[in-house]
Amino acid sequence: MNIFVCPKCGYGNINELSLCVVMHRVTEWEPSGSPKEFGEPEVDWESEMPYDSLGLPHRAPKVTLECCRCGEQFEKPKPAESARRIA
């Protein structure tokens, strides 16, 4: 039983979204020095998101949740009705 649900539609299956660094090895270059072709993408599980390179202040990202039914993204789920009655 889910004690928290989507605040928009009330569905109980919720995913947590996270940021990760995906590396794309350059396999071919343009004469100008720009990447032209890439190898298979690979997740770098040991890196943190390079916030400085995005121009953002270095801070931890907020937790973002997403409903599996309606796709709504939110930071806080709402308590399920049955959980409210038990508490």
PDB file of N, CA and C in Angstrom:
ATOM      1  N   MET A   1       0.836  -1.186   0.000  1.00  0.00           N
ATOM      2  CA  MET A   1       0.000   0.000   0.000  1.00  0.00           C
ATOM      3  C   MET A   1       0.877   1.244   0.000  1.00  0.00           C
ATOM      4  N   ASN A   2       0.616   2.180  -0.896  1.00  0.00           N
ATOM      5  CA  ASN A   2       1.351   3.433  -0.950  1.00  0.00           C
ATOM      6  C   ASN A   2       0.718   4.433   0.008  1.00  0.00           C
ATOM      7  N   ILE A   3       1.559   5.037   0.860  1.00  0.00           N
ATOM      8  CA  ILE A   3       1.016   6.029   1.787  1.00  0.00           C
ATOM      9  C   ILE A   3       1.113   7.439   1.219  1.00  0.00           C
ATOM     10  N   PHE A   4       1.834   7.592   0.087  1.00  0.00           N
ATOM     11  CA  PHE A   4       1.914   8.872  -0.592  1.00  0.00           C
ATOM     12  C   PHE A   4       1.539   8.673  -2.048  1.00  0.00           C
ATOM     13  N   VAL A   5       0.900   9.692  -2.617  1.00  0.00           N
ATOM     14  CA  VAL A   5       0.413   9.620  -3.994  1.00  0.00           C
ATOM     15  C   VAL A   5       0.720  10.923  -4.730  1.00  0.00           C
ATOM     16  N   CYS A   6       0.498  10.892  -6.032  1.00  0.00           N
ATOM     17  CA  CYS A   6       0.665  12.081  -6.868  1.00  0.00           C
ATOM     18  C   CYS A   6      -0.321  13.159  -6.417  1.00  0.00           C
ATOM     19  N   PRO A   7       0.145  14.396  -6.218  1.00  0.00           N
ATOM     20  CA  PRO A   7      -0.771  15.457  -5.803  1.00  0.00           C
ATOM     21  C   PRO A   7      -1.769  15.858  -6.882  1.00  0.00           C
ATOM     22  N   LYS A   8      -1.510  15.512  -8.141  1.00  0.00           N
ATOM     23  CA  LYS A   8      -2.417  15.887  -9.224  1.00  0.00           C
ATOM     24  C   LYS A   8      -3.509  14.839  -9.448  1.00  0.00           C
ATOM     25  N   CYS A   9      -3.094  13.553  -9.612  1.00  0.00           N
ATOM     26  CA  CYS A   9      -4.088  12.541  -9.981  1.00  0.00           C
ATOM     27  C   CYS A   9      -4.328  11.477  -8.907  1.00  0.00           C
ATOM     28  N   GLY A  10      -3.501  11.463  -7.839  1.00  0.00           N
ATOM     29  CA  GLY A  10      -3.721  10.524  -6.760  1.00  0.00           C
ATOM     30  C   GLY A  10      -3.145   9.137  -6.984  1.00  0.00           C
ATOM     31  N   TYR A  11      -2.379   8.936  -8.051  1.00  0.00           N
ATOM     32  CA  TYR A  11      -1.794   7.623  -8.356  1.00  0.00           C
ATOM     33  C   TYR A  11      -0.625   7.356  -7.420  1.00  0.00           C
ATOM     34  N   GLY A  12      -0.441   6.100  -7.020  1.00  0.00           N
ATOM     35  CA  GLY A  12       0.573   5.755  -6.031  1.00  0.00           C
ATOM     36  C   GLY A  12       1.926   5.341  -6.573  1.00  0.00           C
ATOM     37  N   ASN A  13       2.050   5.083  -7.871  1.00  0.00           N
ATOM     38  CA  ASN A  13       3.352   4.715  -8.429  1.00  0.00           C
ATOM     39  C   ASN A  13       4.088   5.979  -8.845  1.00  0.00           C
ATOM     40  N   ILE A  14       5.186   6.257  -8.138  1.00  0.00           N
ATOM     41  CA  ILE A  14       5.936   7.490  -8.317  1.00  0.00           C
ATOM     42  C   ILE A  14       7.410   7.142  -8.515  1.00  0.00           C
ATOM     43  N   ASN A  15       8.057   7.807  -9.466  1.00  0.00           N
ATOM     44  CA  ASN A  15       9.499   7.645  -9.682  1.00  0.00           C
ATOM     45  C   ASN A  15      10.229   8.873  -9.181  1.00  0.00           C
ATOM     46  N   GLU A  16      11.452   8.675  -8.682  1.00  0.00           N
ATOM     47  CA  GLU A  16      12.332   9.793  -8.365  1.00  0.00           C
ATOM     48  C   GLU A  16      13.219  10.018  -9.575  1.00  0.00           C
ATOM     49  N   LEU A  17      13.294  11.259 -10.043  1.00  0.00           N
ATOM     50  CA  LEU A  17      14.154  11.601 -11.169  1.00  0.00           C
ATOM     51  C   LEU A  17      15.487  12.087 -10.638  1.00  0.00           C
ATOM     52  N   SER A  18      16.569  11.685 -11.279  1.00  0.00           N
ATOM     53  CA  SER A  18      17.882  12.139 -10.851  1.00  0.00           C
ATOM     54  C   SER A  18      18.699  12.541 -12.069  1.00  0.00           C
ATOM     55  N   LEU A  19      19.677  13.368 -11.824  1.00  0.00           N
ATOM     56  CA  LEU A  19      20.586  13.799 -12.879  1.00  0.00           C
ATOM     57  C   LEU A  19      21.830  12.931 -12.844  1.00  0.00           C
ATOM     58  N   CYS A  20      22.346  12.604 -14.001  1.00  0.00           N
ATOM     59  CA  CYS A  20      23.602  11.888 -14.062  1.00  0.00           C
ATOM     60  C   CYS A  20      24.388  12.403 -15.262  1.00  0.00           C
ATOM     61  N   VAL A  21      25.681  12.153 -15.240  1.00  0.00           N
ATOM     62  CA  VAL A  21      26.543  12.569 -16.332  1.00  0.00           C
ATOM     63  C   VAL A  21      26.603  11.435 -17.346  1.00  0.00           C
ATOM     64  N   VAL A  22      26.274  11.741 -18.594  1.00  0.00           N
ATOM     65  CA  VAL A  22      26.379  10.761 -19.667  1.00  0.00           C
ATOM     66  C   VAL A  22      27.517  11.209 -20.574  1.00  0.00           C
ATOM     67  N   MET A  23      28.480  10.317 -20.736  1.00  0.00           N
ATOM     68  CA  MET A  23      29.638  10.623 -21.567  1.00  0.00           C
ATOM     69  C   MET A  23      29.397  10.100 -22.977  1.00  0.00           C
ATOM     70  N   HIS A  24      29.815  10.882 -23.959  1.00  0.00           N
ATOM     71  CA  HIS A  24      29.730  10.490 -25.359  1.00  0.00           C
ATOM     72  C   HIS A  24      31.129  10.633 -25.957  1.00  0.00           C
ATOM     73  N   ARG A  25      31.838   9.532 -26.141  1.00  0.00           N
ATOM     74  CA  ARG A  25      33.195   9.590 -26.689  1.00  0.00           C
ATOM     75  C   ARG A  25      33.136  10.076 -28.137  1.00  0.00           C
ATOM     76  N   VAL A  26      33.963  11.078 -28.449  1.00  0.00           N
ATOM     77  CA  VAL A  26      34.025  11.612 -29.801  1.00  0.00           C
ATOM     78  C   VAL A  26      34.793  10.622 -30.668  1.00  0.00           C
ATOM     79  N   THR A  27      34.170  10.195 -31.759  1.00  0.00           N
ATOM     80  CA  THR A  27      34.824   9.228 -32.653  1.00  0.00           C
ATOM     81  C   THR A  27      35.242   9.853 -33.981  1.00  0.00           C
ATOM     82  N   GLU A  28      34.704  11.035 -34.285  1.00  0.00           N
ATOM     83  CA  GLU A  28      35.095  11.728 -35.522  1.00  0.00           C
ATOM     84  C   GLU A  28      34.947  13.220 -35.303  1.00  0.00           C
ATOM     85  N   TRP A  29      35.879  13.992 -35.892  1.00  0.00           N
ATOM     86  CA  TRP A  29      35.925  15.428 -35.690  1.00  0.00           C
ATOM     87  C   TRP A  29      35.685  16.184 -36.997  1.00  0.00           C
ATOM     88  N   GLU A  30      35.077  17.360 -36.887  1.00  0.00           N
ATOM     89  CA  GLU A  30      34.968  18.308 -37.995  1.00  0.00           C
ATOM     90  C   GLU A  30      36.341  18.967 -38.161  1.00  0.00           C
ATOM     91  N   PRO A  31      36.682  19.464 -39.349  1.00  0.00           N
ATOM     92  CA  PRO A  31      37.955  20.180 -39.531  1.00  0.00           C
ATOM     93  C   PRO A  31      38.093  21.386 -38.596  1.00  0.00           C
ATOM     94  N   SER A  32      36.963  21.965 -38.166  1.00  0.00           N
ATOM     95  CA  SER A  32      36.989  23.130 -37.269  1.00  0.00           C
ATOM     96  C   SER A  32      37.316  22.764 -35.826  1.00  0.00           C
ATOM     97  N   GLY A  33      37.310  21.448 -35.505  1.00  0.00           N
ATOM     98  CA  GLY A  33      37.571  21.012 -34.136  1.00  0.00           C
ATOM     99  C   GLY A  33      36.315  20.685 -33.360  1.00  0.00           C
ATOM    100  N   SER A  34      35.149  20.729 -33.989  1.00  0.00           N
ATOM    101  CA  SER A  34      33.890  20.367 -33.337  1.00  0.00           C
ATOM    102  C   SER A  34      33.641  18.868 -33.486  1.00  0.00           C
ATOM    103  N   PRO A  35      33.055  18.251 -32.486  1.00  0.00           N
ATOM    104  CA  PRO A  35      32.719  16.827 -32.611  1.00  0.00           C
ATOM    105  C   PRO A  35      31.741  16.592 -33.756  1.00  0.00           C
ATOM    106  N   LYS A  36      31.935  15.501 -34.498  1.00  0.00           N
ATOM    107  CA  LYS A  36      31.067  15.168 -35.627  1.00  0.00           C
ATOM    108  C   LYS A  36      30.296  13.875 -35.372  1.00  0.00           C
ATOM    109  N   GLU A  37      30.961  12.860 -34.883  1.00  0.00           N
ATOM    110  CA  GLU A  37      30.350  11.558 -34.602  1.00  0.00           C
ATOM    111  C   GLU A  37      30.704  11.140 -33.177  1.00  0.00           C
ATOM    112  N   PHE A  38      29.812  10.341 -32.593  1.00  0.00           N
ATOM    113  CA  PHE A  38      30.008   9.908 -31.214  1.00  0.00           C
ATOM    114  C   PHE A  38      29.856   8.401 -31.094  1.00  0.00           C
ATOM    115  N   GLY A  39      30.533   7.821 -30.101  1.00  0.00           N
ATOM    116  CA  GLY A  39      30.370   6.410 -29.785  1.00  0.00           C
ATOM    117  C   GLY A  39      29.139   6.216 -28.918  1.00  0.00           C
ATOM    118  N   GLU A  40      28.994   5.012 -28.406  1.00  0.00           N
ATOM    119  CA  GLU A  40      27.857   4.690 -27.541  1.00  0.00           C
ATOM    120  C   GLU A  40      27.909   5.524 -26.259  1.00  0.00           C
ATOM    121  N   PRO A  41      26.770   6.052 -25.812  1.00  0.00           N
ATOM    122  CA  PRO A  41      26.748   6.811 -24.555  1.00  0.00           C
ATOM    123  C   PRO A  41      27.027   5.897 -23.368  1.00  0.00           C
ATOM    124  N   GLU A  42      27.657   6.457 -22.350  1.00  0.00           N
ATOM    125  CA  GLU A  42      27.991   5.703 -21.145  1.00  0.00           C
ATOM    126  C   GLU A  42      27.729   6.584 -19.930  1.00  0.00           C
ATOM    127  N   VAL A  43      27.031   6.053 -18.940  1.00  0.00           N
ATOM    128  CA  VAL A  43      26.762   6.801 -17.717  1.00  0.00           C
ATOM    129  C   VAL A  43      28.018   6.783 -16.853  1.00  0.00           C
ATOM    130  N   ASP A  44      28.415   7.951 -16.396  1.00  0.00           N
ATOM    131  CA  ASP A  44      29.562   8.063 -15.485  1.00  0.00           C
ATOM    132  C   ASP A  44      29.013   8.069 -14.067  1.00  0.00           C
ATOM    133  N   TRP A  45      28.986   6.905 -13.443  1.00  0.00           N
ATOM    134  CA  TRP A  45      28.374   6.738 -12.119  1.00  0.00           C
ATOM    135  C   TRP A  45      29.182   7.388 -11.014  1.00  0.00           C
ATOM    136  N   GLU A  46      30.433   7.765 -11.281  1.00  0.00           N
ATOM    137  CA  GLU A  46      31.285   8.337 -10.237  1.00  0.00           C
ATOM    138  C   GLU A  46      31.326   9.859 -10.274  1.00  0.00           C
ATOM    139  N   SER A  47      30.851  10.475 -11.333  1.00  0.00           N
ATOM    140  CA  SER A  47      30.865  11.937 -11.439  1.00  0.00           C
ATOM    141  C   SER A  47      29.612  12.530 -10.837  1.00  0.00           C
ATOM    142  N   GLU A  48      29.752  13.760 -10.412  1.00  0.00           N
ATOM    143  CA  GLU A  48      28.584  14.532 -10.022  1.00  0.00           C
ATOM    144  C   GLU A  48      28.247  15.416 -11.207  1.00  0.00           C
ATOM    145  N   MET A  49      27.019  15.861 -11.274  1.00  0.00           N
ATOM    146  CA  MET A  49      26.622  16.736 -12.366  1.00  0.00           C
ATOM    147  C   MET A  49      27.503  17.980 -12.346  1.00  0.00           C
ATOM    148  N   PRO A  50      28.098  18.351 -13.464  1.00  0.00           N
ATOM    149  CA  PRO A  50      29.001  19.520 -13.489  1.00  0.00           C
ATOM    150  C   PRO A  50      28.235  20.841 -13.495  1.00  0.00           C
ATOM    151  N   TYR A  51      27.671  21.213 -12.357  1.00  0.00           N
ATOM    152  CA  TYR A  51      26.849  22.420 -12.271  1.00  0.00           C
ATOM    153  C   TYR A  51      27.618  23.672 -12.670  1.00  0.00           C
ATOM    154  N   ASP A  52      28.911  23.730 -12.339  1.00  0.00           N
ATOM    155  CA  ASP A  52      29.701  24.914 -12.674  1.00  0.00           C
ATOM    156  C   ASP A  52      29.744  25.134 -14.180  1.00  0.00           C
ATOM    157  N   SER A  53      29.803  24.060 -14.951  1.00  0.00           N
ATOM    158  CA  SER A  53      29.870  24.209 -16.402  1.00  0.00           C
ATOM    159  C   SER A  53      28.541  24.677 -16.981  1.00  0.00           C
ATOM    160  N   LEU A  54      27.467  24.571 -16.237  1.00  0.00           N
ATOM    161  CA  LEU A  54      26.159  25.032 -16.688  1.00  0.00           C
ATOM    162  C   LEU A  54      25.887  26.476 -16.286  1.00  0.00           C
ATOM    163  N   GLY A  55      26.828  27.064 -15.548  1.00  0.00           N
ATOM    164  CA  GLY A  55      26.648  28.434 -15.105  1.00  0.00           C
ATOM    165  C   GLY A  55      25.760  28.562 -13.885  1.00  0.00           C
ATOM    166  N   LEU A  56      25.455  27.469 -13.238  1.00  0.00           N
ATOM    167  CA  LEU A  56      24.616  27.493 -12.044  1.00  0.00           C
ATOM    168  C   LEU A  56      25.493  27.475 -10.801  1.00  0.00           C
ATOM    169  N   PRO A  57      25.033  28.045  -9.715  1.00  0.00           N
ATOM    170  CA  PRO A  57      25.803  27.937  -8.475  1.00  0.00           C
ATOM    171  C   PRO A  57      25.887  26.479  -8.045  1.00  0.00           C
ATOM    172  N   HIS A  58      26.997  26.118  -7.443  1.00  0.00           N
ATOM    173  CA  HIS A  58      27.188  24.730  -7.007  1.00  0.00           C
ATOM    174  C   HIS A  58      26.260  24.447  -5.826  1.00  0.00           C
ATOM    175  N   ARG A  59      25.271  23.634  -6.078  1.00  0.00           N
ATOM    176  CA  ARG A  59      24.321  23.263  -5.025  1.00  0.00           C
ATOM    177  C   ARG A  59      23.725  21.912  -5.368  1.00  0.00           C
ATOM    178  N   ALA A  60      23.228  21.269  -4.352  1.00  0.00           N
ATOM    179  CA  ALA A  60      22.590  19.968  -4.568  1.00  0.00           C
ATOM    180  C   ALA A  60      21.253  20.173  -5.264  1.00  0.00           C
ATOM    181  N   PRO A  61      20.924  19.319  -6.226  1.00  0.00           N
ATOM    182  CA  PRO A  61      19.631  19.470  -6.893  1.00  0.00           C
ATOM    183  C   PRO A  61      18.490  19.103  -5.961  1.00  0.00           C
ATOM    184  N   LYS A  62      17.319  19.703  -6.194  1.00  0.00           N
ATOM    185  CA  LYS A  62      16.132  19.355  -5.428  1.00  0.00           C
ATOM    186  C   LYS A  62      15.636  17.990  -5.881  1.00  0.00           C
ATOM    187  N   VAL A  63      15.035  17.258  -4.974  1.00  0.00           N
ATOM    188  CA  VAL A  63      14.448  15.976  -5.339  1.00  0.00           C
ATOM    189  C   VAL A  63      13.239  16.231  -6.216  1.00  0.00           C
ATOM    190  N   THR A  64      13.195  15.600  -7.358  1.00  0.00           N
ATOM    191  CA  THR A  64      12.060  15.732  -8.254  1.00  0.00           C
ATOM    192  C   THR A  64      11.409  14.368  -8.398  1.00  0.00           C
ATOM    193  N   LEU A  65      10.129  14.323  -8.159  1.00  0.00           N
ATOM    194  CA  LEU A  65       9.363  13.095  -8.293  1.00  0.00           C
ATOM    195  C   LEU A  65       8.472  13.220  -9.518  1.00  0.00           C
ATOM    196  N   GLU A  66       8.124  12.078 -10.121  1.00  0.00           N
ATOM    197  CA  GLU A  66       7.262  12.084 -11.296  1.00  0.00           C
ATOM    198  C   GLU A  66       6.253  10.959 -11.198  1.00  0.00           C
ATOM    199  N   CYS A  67       5.005  11.295 -11.456  1.00  0.00           N
ATOM    200  CA  CYS A  67       3.927  10.310 -11.431  1.00  0.00           C
ATOM    201  C   CYS A  67       4.027   9.407 -12.657  1.00  0.00           C
ATOM    202  N   CYS A  68       3.899   8.105 -12.432  1.00  0.00           N
ATOM    203  CA  CYS A  68       3.964   7.128 -13.524  1.00  0.00           C
ATOM    204  C   CYS A  68       2.707   7.147 -14.390  1.00  0.00           C
ATOM    205  N   ARG A  69       1.624   7.724 -13.907  1.00  0.00           N
ATOM    206  CA  ARG A  69       0.373   7.755 -14.682  1.00  0.00           C
ATOM    207  C   ARG A  69       0.245   9.042 -15.499  1.00  0.00           C
ATOM    208  N   CYS A  70       0.281  10.194 -14.840  1.00  0.00           N
ATOM    209  CA  CYS A  70      -0.010  11.449 -15.533  1.00  0.00           C
ATOM    210  C   CYS A  70       1.234  12.236 -15.929  1.00  0.00           C
ATOM    211  N   GLY A  71       2.410  11.863 -15.401  1.00  0.00           N
ATOM    212  CA  GLY A  71       3.647  12.544 -15.758  1.00  0.00           C
ATOM    213  C   GLY A  71       3.911  13.824 -14.991  1.00  0.00           C
ATOM    214  N   GLU A  72       3.038  14.174 -14.051  1.00  0.00           N
ATOM    215  CA  GLU A  72       3.227  15.376 -13.227  1.00  0.00           C
ATOM    216  C   GLU A  72       4.551  15.268 -12.471  1.00  0.00           C
ATOM    217  N   GLN A  73       5.326  16.369 -12.427  1.00  0.00           N
ATOM    218  CA  GLN A  73       6.552  16.409 -11.650  1.00  0.00           C
ATOM    219  C   GLN A  73       6.333  17.312 -10.441  1.00  0.00           C
ATOM    220  N   PHE A  74       6.864  16.884  -9.301  1.00  0.00           N
ATOM    221  CA  PHE A  74       6.633  17.596  -8.050  1.00  0.00           C
ATOM    222  C   PHE A  74       7.742  17.271  -7.076  1.00  0.00           C
ATOM    223  N   GLU A  75       7.841  18.079  -6.010  1.00  0.00           N
ATOM    224  CA  GLU A  75       8.847  17.845  -4.967  1.00  0.00           C
ATOM    225  C   GLU A  75       8.274  17.052  -3.800  1.00  0.00           C
ATOM    226  N   LYS A  76       7.013  17.255  -3.491  1.00  0.00           N
ATOM    227  CA  LYS A  76       6.390  16.586  -2.345  1.00  0.00           C
ATOM    228  C   LYS A  76       5.141  15.835  -2.788  1.00  0.00           C
ATOM    229  N   PRO A  77       5.034  14.551  -2.443  1.00  0.00           N
ATOM    230  CA  PRO A  77       3.793  13.829  -2.735  1.00  0.00           C
ATOM    231  C   PRO A  77       2.733  14.228  -1.710  1.00  0.00           C
ATOM    232  N   LYS A  78       1.506  13.841  -1.976  1.00  0.00           N
ATOM    233  CA  LYS A  78       0.465  14.106  -0.987  1.00  0.00           C
ATOM    234  C   LYS A  78       0.154  12.790  -0.269  1.00  0.00           C
ATOM    235  N   PRO A  79      -0.204  12.867   1.004  1.00  0.00           N
ATOM    236  CA  PRO A  79      -0.561  11.648   1.734  1.00  0.00           C
ATOM    237  C   PRO A  79      -1.791  10.997   1.106  1.00  0.00           C
ATOM    238  N   ALA A  80      -1.770   9.667   1.042  1.00  0.00           N
ATOM    239  CA  ALA A  80      -2.929   8.930   0.549  1.00  0.00           C
ATOM    240  C   ALA A  80      -4.056   9.039   1.554  1.00  0.00           C
ATOM    241  N   GLU A  81      -5.276   8.987   1.090  1.00  0.00           N
ATOM    242  CA  GLU A  81      -6.461   9.095   1.966  1.00  0.00           C
ATOM    243  C   GLU A  81      -6.445   8.041   3.063  1.00  0.00           C
ATOM    244  N   SER A  82      -6.086   6.798   2.720  1.00  0.00           N
ATOM    245  CA  SER A  82      -6.095   5.719   3.720  1.00  0.00           C
ATOM    246  C   SER A  82      -5.040   5.968   4.779  1.00  0.00           C
ATOM    247  N   ALA A  83      -3.926   6.576   4.415  1.00  0.00           N
ATOM    248  CA  ALA A  83      -2.875   6.868   5.396  1.00  0.00           C
ATOM    249  C   ALA A  83      -3.343   7.937   6.366  1.00  0.00           C
ATOM    250  N   ARG A  84      -4.145   8.898   5.888  1.00  0.00           N
ATOM    251  CA  ARG A  84      -4.671   9.941   6.762  1.00  0.00           C
ATOM    252  C   ARG A  84      -5.623   9.364   7.807  1.00  0.00           C
ATOM    253  N   ARG A  85      -6.435   8.399   7.384  1.00  0.00           N
ATOM    254  CA  ARG A  85      -7.397   7.804   8.312  1.00  0.00           C
ATOM    255  C   ARG A  85      -6.709   6.985   9.411  1.00  0.00           C
ATOM    256  N   ILE A  86      -5.578   6.327   9.053  1.00  0.00           N
ATOM    257  CA  ILE A  86      -4.864   5.488  10.020  1.00  0.00           C
ATOM    258  C   ILE A  86      -4.153   6.350  11.045  1.00  0.00           C
ATOM    259  N   ALA A  87      -3.602   7.504  10.606  1.00  0.00           N
ATOM    260  CA  ALA A  87      -2.786   8.354  11.486  1.00  0.00           C
ATOM    261  C   ALA A  87      -3.601   9.031  12.542  1.00  0.00           C
TER     262      ALA A  87
END
